[in-house]
Amino acid sequence: MPDKALVWLGSTRADIGRFPAAARRVAGFQLRRVQKGLDPNDWKPLSSVGAGVREIRLHIEGEHRVFYVATFAEAVYVLHAFEKKTQKTTARDLQIGRERFGALAAMRRKNDGSKKRR
């Protein structure tokens, strides 16, 4: 099975770029595992953000999180990335994930509709 494409939504690529170097490396390694169809080493489901959304948990130079969805055949979509400063994920971070997941769903519906009209 070929690797899935990696699609960065919103500011996720720049956000990961602001992680400390070691956390960036591990985030990249974990996303590469997902592209290959494997699970990250430390993750949990985030159904409160959207169906199929998962959170990669990074415990390097602090706490960092990456929300993604890999249930679509064409790509792995990276929804949100941030440094976690509290024990509970903030409502703002969950909202960003939901908004980007909603925008992704709308984009995919639009693209499906345009393919059917051809």
Protein backbone atom coordinates (compact mmCIF):
# COMPACT_ATOMS: atom_id res chain seq x y z
CA MET A 1 0.00 0.00 0.00
CA PRO A 2 1.50 3.38 -0.99
CA ASP A 3 1.80 6.10 1.63
CA LYS A 4 -1.13 8.47 1.93
CA ALA A 5 -0.56 12.13 1.19
CA LEU A 6 -0.26 14.44 4.19
CA VAL A 7 -2.53 17.50 4.02
CA TRP A 8 -2.00 20.34 6.50
CA LEU A 9 -5.12 22.33 7.38
CA GLY A 10 -5.01 25.89 8.68
CA SER A 11 -1.79 26.78 10.45
CA THR A 12 -0.86 23.22 11.49
CA ARG A 13 2.41 23.03 9.58
CA ALA A 14 3.64 26.33 11.03
CA ASP A 15 2.37 25.32 14.48
CA ILE A 16 4.43 22.11 14.43
CA GLY A 17 7.35 24.20 13.18
CA ARG A 18 7.22 26.08 16.49
CA PHE A 19 7.55 22.87 18.54
CA PRO A 20 10.99 22.25 20.08
CA ALA A 21 13.29 20.39 17.66
CA ALA A 22 12.93 17.01 19.40
CA ALA A 23 9.12 17.27 19.51
CA ARG A 24 9.08 18.25 15.80
CA ARG A 25 11.14 15.18 14.91
CA VAL A 26 8.89 12.84 16.87
CA ALA A 27 5.72 14.47 15.47
CA GLY A 28 7.08 13.93 11.95
CA PHE A 29 7.97 10.33 12.72
CA GLN A 30 4.50 9.65 14.14
CA LEU A 31 2.75 11.28 11.18
CA ARG A 32 4.90 9.17 8.84
CA ARG A 33 3.66 6.05 10.67
CA VAL A 34 0.09 7.21 10.06
CA GLN A 35 0.82 7.80 6.36
CA LYS A 36 1.98 4.17 6.16
CA GLY A 37 -1.29 2.96 7.72
CA LEU A 38 0.17 2.35 11.19
CA ASP A 39 -0.97 3.76 14.52
CA PRO A 40 1.15 6.36 16.29
CA ASN A 41 2.93 5.09 19.39
CA ASP A 42 0.76 7.18 21.77
CA TRP A 43 -2.67 8.30 20.66
CA LYS A 44 -6.29 8.52 21.70
CA PRO A 45 -9.55 8.94 19.79
CA LEU A 46 -11.19 12.38 19.76
CA SER A 47 -14.76 11.66 18.71
CA SER A 48 -15.78 14.95 20.36
CA VAL A 49 -13.89 16.71 17.53
CA GLY A 50 -15.19 14.50 14.70
CA ALA A 51 -15.67 10.95 13.49
CA GLY A 52 -12.30 9.25 13.08
CA VAL A 53 -10.27 12.11 14.58
CA ARG A 54 -7.30 11.04 16.69
CA GLU A 55 -4.81 12.86 18.86
CA ILE A 56 -1.09 12.08 18.79
CA ARG A 57 0.33 12.62 22.26
CA LEU A 58 3.95 13.80 22.45
CA HIS A 59 5.71 13.91 25.83
CA ILE A 60 8.97 15.58 24.76
CA GLU A 61 10.20 18.93 26.07
CA GLY A 62 6.72 19.52 27.47
CA GLU A 63 3.43 18.22 26.19
CA HIS A 64 2.42 18.59 22.53
CA ARG A 65 -0.62 17.35 20.63
CA VAL A 66 -1.47 16.79 16.97
CA PHE A 67 -5.08 16.19 15.85
CA TYR A 68 -5.50 14.28 12.59
CA VAL A 69 -7.94 12.16 10.63
CA ALA A 70 -6.73 9.26 8.47
CA THR A 71 -10.02 7.51 7.66
CA PHE A 72 -10.23 8.92 4.14
CA ALA A 73 -8.58 6.98 1.32
CA GLU A 74 -6.86 9.92 -0.33
CA ALA A 75 -4.92 11.52 2.54
CA VAL A 76 -4.09 12.02 6.18
CA TYR A 77 -5.47 15.42 7.21
CA VAL A 78 -3.63 17.21 10.02
CA LEU A 79 -6.26 19.36 11.74
CA HIS A 80 -4.48 21.07 14.64
CA ALA A 81 -1.16 21.09 16.51
CA PHE A 82 -0.37 22.81 19.77
CA GLU A 83 1.61 22.80 22.99
CA LYS A 84 -0.53 21.57 25.85
CA LYS A 85 -0.08 23.65 28.99
CA THR A 86 -2.89 22.27 31.16
CA GLN A 87 -3.95 18.76 32.09
CA LYS A 88 -7.22 19.11 30.20
CA THR A 89 -7.28 20.06 26.51
CA THR A 90 -8.65 23.59 26.29
CA ALA A 91 -12.07 24.30 24.82
CA ARG A 92 -10.34 26.59 22.28
CA ASP A 93 -8.09 23.79 20.99
CA LEU A 94 -11.06 21.42 20.69
CA GLN A 95 -13.04 24.13 18.87
CA ILE A 96 -10.21 24.70 16.37
CA GLY A 97 -10.17 20.96 15.68
CA ARG A 98 -13.96 20.89 15.20
CA GLU A 99 -13.92 23.90 12.88
CA ARG A 100 -11.19 22.44 10.70
CA PHE A 101 -12.88 19.03 10.64
CA GLY A 102 -16.12 20.74 9.57
CA ALA A 103 -14.32 22.67 6.84
CA LEU A 104 -12.71 19.41 5.65
CA ALA A 105 -16.10 17.67 5.53
CA ALA A 106 -17.59 20.58 3.55
CA MET A 107 -14.64 20.56 1.12
CA ARG A 108 -14.97 16.82 0.55
CA ARG A 109 -18.76 17.12 -0.02
CA LYS A 110 -18.17 19.92 -2.53
CA ASN A 111 -15.50 17.89 -4.36
CA ASP A 112 -17.75 14.80 -4.46
CA GLY A 113 -20.56 16.90 -5.92
CA SER A 114 -18.36 18.37 -8.63
CA LYS A 115 -17.10 14.90 -9.61
CA LYS A 116 -20.66 13.56 -9.97
CA ARG A 117 -21.68 16.40 -12.32
CA ARG A 118 -18.97 15.61 -14.86
